[in-house]
Amino acid sequence: MSEAPWWLESGPETCQFCLRTFHYEAGYHCIYCDRPICPACVAARFDTRDTLCPECHEEEKCHEQDTGHEEER
């Protein structure tokens, strides 16, 4: 059996949301707050391919529910 690819192994970065370790090159950054996000925690808007952290994603959902429609931040 071969070893797992480097990007699937634990890395030096720690996700601020789930505390998993990951490789910086395999992670994402939130478009609003610019915090690093591991691949497991990233929330994506598929229509624009934007990546959001869990906190900003939750804020965006709450804002959309309050206004009753989608609106850019």
N, C-alpha and C. Protein backbone atom coordinates (compact mmCIF):
# COMPACT_ATOMS: atom_id res chain seq x y z
N MET A 1 0.84 -1.17 0.00
CA MET A 1 0.00 0.00 0.00
C MET A 1 0.90 1.24 0.00
N SER A 2 0.57 2.23 -0.81
CA SER A 2 1.39 3.43 -0.88
C SER A 2 0.99 4.43 0.21
N GLU A 3 1.91 5.35 0.48
CA GLU A 3 1.64 6.36 1.49
C GLU A 3 0.64 7.39 0.95
N ALA A 4 -0.04 8.06 1.87
CA ALA A 4 -1.01 9.09 1.48
C ALA A 4 -0.26 10.29 0.89
N PRO A 5 -0.89 11.01 -0.05
CA PRO A 5 -0.26 12.22 -0.59
C PRO A 5 -0.01 13.24 0.52
N TRP A 6 0.99 14.10 0.32
CA TRP A 6 1.39 15.06 1.36
C TRP A 6 0.25 15.96 1.81
N TRP A 7 -0.65 16.32 0.91
CA TRP A 7 -1.72 17.25 1.26
C TRP A 7 -2.81 16.62 2.12
N LEU A 8 -2.80 15.30 2.25
CA LEU A 8 -3.76 14.62 3.11
C LEU A 8 -3.21 14.34 4.50
N GLU A 9 -1.90 14.57 4.67
CA GLU A 9 -1.27 14.35 5.97
C GLU A 9 -1.41 15.61 6.83
N SER A 10 -1.20 15.45 8.13
CA SER A 10 -1.20 16.61 9.03
C SER A 10 -0.07 17.54 8.63
N GLY A 11 -0.31 18.82 8.78
CA GLY A 11 0.70 19.81 8.42
C GLY A 11 0.96 20.76 9.57
N PRO A 12 1.73 21.82 9.32
CA PRO A 12 2.11 22.74 10.39
C PRO A 12 1.04 23.79 10.74
N GLU A 13 0.06 24.01 9.87
CA GLU A 13 -0.99 25.00 10.14
C GLU A 13 -2.09 24.38 11.00
N THR A 14 -2.71 25.17 11.86
CA THR A 14 -3.83 24.71 12.67
C THR A 14 -5.06 25.52 12.32
N CYS A 15 -6.14 24.83 12.01
CA CYS A 15 -7.40 25.48 11.68
C CYS A 15 -7.96 26.14 12.94
N GLN A 16 -8.36 27.40 12.85
CA GLN A 16 -8.89 28.13 14.00
C GLN A 16 -10.29 27.67 14.39
N PHE A 17 -10.91 26.88 13.55
CA PHE A 17 -12.30 26.48 13.80
C PHE A 17 -12.41 25.06 14.35
N CYS A 18 -11.66 24.11 13.80
CA CYS A 18 -11.77 22.73 14.27
C CYS A 18 -10.49 22.23 14.93
N LEU A 19 -9.44 23.03 14.89
CA LEU A 19 -8.14 22.73 15.49
C LEU A 19 -7.41 21.56 14.83
N ARG A 20 -7.84 21.16 13.64
CA ARG A 20 -7.10 20.15 12.88
C ARG A 20 -5.85 20.81 12.30
N THR A 21 -4.83 19.99 12.06
CA THR A 21 -3.65 20.52 11.39
C THR A 21 -3.75 20.22 9.90
N PHE A 22 -3.23 21.13 9.10
CA PHE A 22 -3.28 20.98 7.65
C PHE A 22 -2.11 21.71 7.02
N HIS A 23 -1.85 21.43 5.77
CA HIS A 23 -0.80 22.12 5.02
C HIS A 23 -1.36 23.43 4.48
N TYR A 24 -0.60 24.49 4.63
CA TYR A 24 -1.02 25.82 4.17
C TYR A 24 -1.43 25.79 2.70
N GLU A 25 -0.68 25.05 1.89
CA GLU A 25 -0.96 24.98 0.46
C GLU A 25 -2.28 24.31 0.14
N ALA A 26 -2.79 23.49 1.06
CA ALA A 26 -4.04 22.77 0.84
C ALA A 26 -5.23 23.49 1.48
N GLY A 27 -4.98 24.61 2.14
CA GLY A 27 -6.05 25.34 2.83
C GLY A 27 -6.64 26.44 1.97
N TYR A 28 -7.54 27.17 2.58
CA TYR A 28 -8.24 28.28 1.93
C TYR A 28 -8.16 29.50 2.83
N HIS A 29 -8.56 30.65 2.31
CA HIS A 29 -8.67 31.87 3.10
C HIS A 29 -10.05 32.46 2.87
N CYS A 30 -10.64 32.97 3.93
CA CYS A 30 -11.96 33.59 3.85
C CYS A 30 -11.87 34.89 3.06
N ILE A 31 -12.84 35.12 2.18
CA ILE A 31 -12.81 36.35 1.37
C ILE A 31 -13.14 37.58 2.20
N TYR A 32 -13.77 37.42 3.35
CA TYR A 32 -14.14 38.57 4.18
C TYR A 32 -13.11 38.87 5.26
N CYS A 33 -12.70 37.87 6.04
CA CYS A 33 -11.80 38.12 7.17
C CYS A 33 -10.37 37.66 6.92
N ASP A 34 -10.11 36.96 5.82
CA ASP A 34 -8.78 36.51 5.41
C ASP A 34 -8.14 35.50 6.37
N ARG A 35 -8.94 34.87 7.21
CA ARG A 35 -8.39 33.84 8.10
C ARG A 35 -8.17 32.56 7.32
N PRO A 36 -7.12 31.79 7.67
CA PRO A 36 -6.92 30.50 7.02
C PRO A 36 -7.97 29.49 7.47
N ILE A 37 -8.41 28.64 6.55
CA ILE A 37 -9.45 27.65 6.82
C ILE A 37 -8.97 26.30 6.27
N CYS A 38 -9.16 25.25 7.03
CA CYS A 38 -8.79 23.92 6.53
C CYS A 38 -9.84 23.47 5.52
N PRO A 39 -9.50 22.51 4.67
CA PRO A 39 -10.46 22.03 3.67
C PRO A 39 -11.75 21.45 4.27
N ALA A 40 -11.71 20.98 5.51
CA ALA A 40 -12.91 20.41 6.14
C ALA A 40 -13.89 21.48 6.60
N CYS A 41 -13.40 22.68 6.91
CA CYS A 41 -14.26 23.73 7.47
C CYS A 41 -14.71 24.77 6.46
N VAL A 42 -14.10 24.80 5.30
CA VAL A 42 -14.41 25.84 4.33
C VAL A 42 -15.86 25.76 3.87
N ALA A 43 -16.50 26.92 3.76
CA ALA A 43 -17.85 27.01 3.21
C ALA A 43 -17.71 27.75 1.88
N ALA A 44 -18.25 27.18 0.83
CA ALA A 44 -18.10 27.78 -0.50
C ALA A 44 -19.44 28.21 -1.06
N ARG A 45 -19.40 29.32 -1.77
CA ARG A 45 -20.56 29.74 -2.55
C ARG A 45 -20.27 29.26 -3.96
N PHE A 46 -21.01 28.26 -4.39
CA PHE A 46 -20.69 27.60 -5.64
C PHE A 46 -20.91 28.46 -6.87
N ASP A 47 -21.83 29.41 -6.81
CA ASP A 47 -22.08 30.25 -7.98
C ASP A 47 -20.90 31.17 -8.29
N THR A 48 -20.18 31.63 -7.25
CA THR A 48 -19.05 32.54 -7.47
C THR A 48 -17.70 31.92 -7.11
N ARG A 49 -17.72 30.72 -6.53
CA ARG A 49 -16.52 30.01 -6.08
C ARG A 49 -15.77 30.76 -4.98
N ASP A 50 -16.47 31.59 -4.23
CA ASP A 50 -15.88 32.28 -3.09
C ASP A 50 -15.78 31.30 -1.92
N THR A 51 -14.77 31.49 -1.09
CA THR A 51 -14.61 30.65 0.09
C THR A 51 -14.80 31.51 1.33
N LEU A 52 -15.56 30.98 2.28
CA LEU A 52 -15.85 31.69 3.52
C LEU A 52 -15.52 30.80 4.70
N CYS A 53 -15.13 31.44 5.81
CA CYS A 53 -14.93 30.69 7.05
C CYS A 53 -16.31 30.39 7.64
N PRO A 54 -16.40 29.46 8.56
CA PRO A 54 -17.71 29.13 9.15
C PRO A 54 -18.41 30.33 9.80
N GLU A 55 -17.66 31.22 10.46
CA GLU A 55 -18.27 32.37 11.12
C GLU A 55 -18.86 33.35 10.11
N CYS A 56 -18.10 33.70 9.08
CA CYS A 56 -18.59 34.64 8.07
C CYS A 56 -19.74 34.03 7.27
N HIS A 57 -19.68 32.72 7.06
CA HIS A 57 -20.76 32.05 6.35
C HIS A 57 -22.05 32.12 7.15
N GLU A 58 -21.95 31.92 8.46
CA GLU A 58 -23.12 31.98 9.34
C GLU A 58 -23.68 33.41 9.37
N GLU A 59 -22.79 34.40 9.46
CA GLU A 59 -23.23 35.81 9.44
C GLU A 59 -23.96 36.13 8.14
N GLU A 60 -23.42 35.63 7.03
CA GLU A 60 -24.04 35.88 5.73
C GLU A 60 -25.42 35.25 5.64
N LYS A 61 -25.56 34.02 6.16
CA LYS A 61 -26.87 33.36 6.15
C LYS A 61 -27.86 34.11 7.01
N CYS A 62 -27.43 34.57 8.18
CA CYS A 62 -28.32 35.34 9.06
C CYS A 62 -28.73 36.65 8.40
N HIS A 63 -27.79 37.30 7.74
CA HIS A 63 -28.09 38.56 7.07
C HIS A 63 -29.10 38.34 5.94
N GLU A 64 -28.94 37.26 5.18
CA GLU A 64 -29.87 36.94 4.09
C GLU A 64 -31.25 36.65 4.64
N GLN A 65 -31.34 35.96 5.77
CA GLN A 65 -32.65 35.66 6.37
C GLN A 65 -33.32 36.92 6.88
N ASP A 66 -32.53 37.84 7.46
CA ASP A 66 -33.08 39.09 7.99
C ASP A 66 -33.62 39.99 6.88
N THR A 67 -32.90 40.04 5.75
CA THR A 67 -33.32 40.92 4.66
C THR A 67 -34.31 40.24 3.72
N GLY A 68 -34.35 38.92 3.77
CA GLY A 68 -35.28 38.19 2.94
C GLY A 68 -34.80 37.93 1.53
N HIS A 69 -33.57 38.35 1.20
CA HIS A 69 -33.01 38.08 -0.11
C HIS A 69 -31.49 38.13 -0.02
N GLU A 70 -30.83 37.61 -1.09
CA GLU A 70 -29.39 37.63 -1.13
C GLU A 70 -28.89 39.02 -1.42
N GLU A 71 -27.83 39.38 -0.74
CA GLU A 71 -27.25 40.69 -0.92
C GLU A 71 -25.75 40.57 -0.71
N GLU A 72 -24.96 41.23 -1.53
CA GLU A 72 -23.51 41.20 -1.37
C GLU A 72 -23.13 41.98 -0.13
N ARG A 73 -22.13 41.51 0.57
CA ARG A 73 -21.60 42.17 1.76
C ARG A 73 -20.84 43.40 1.39
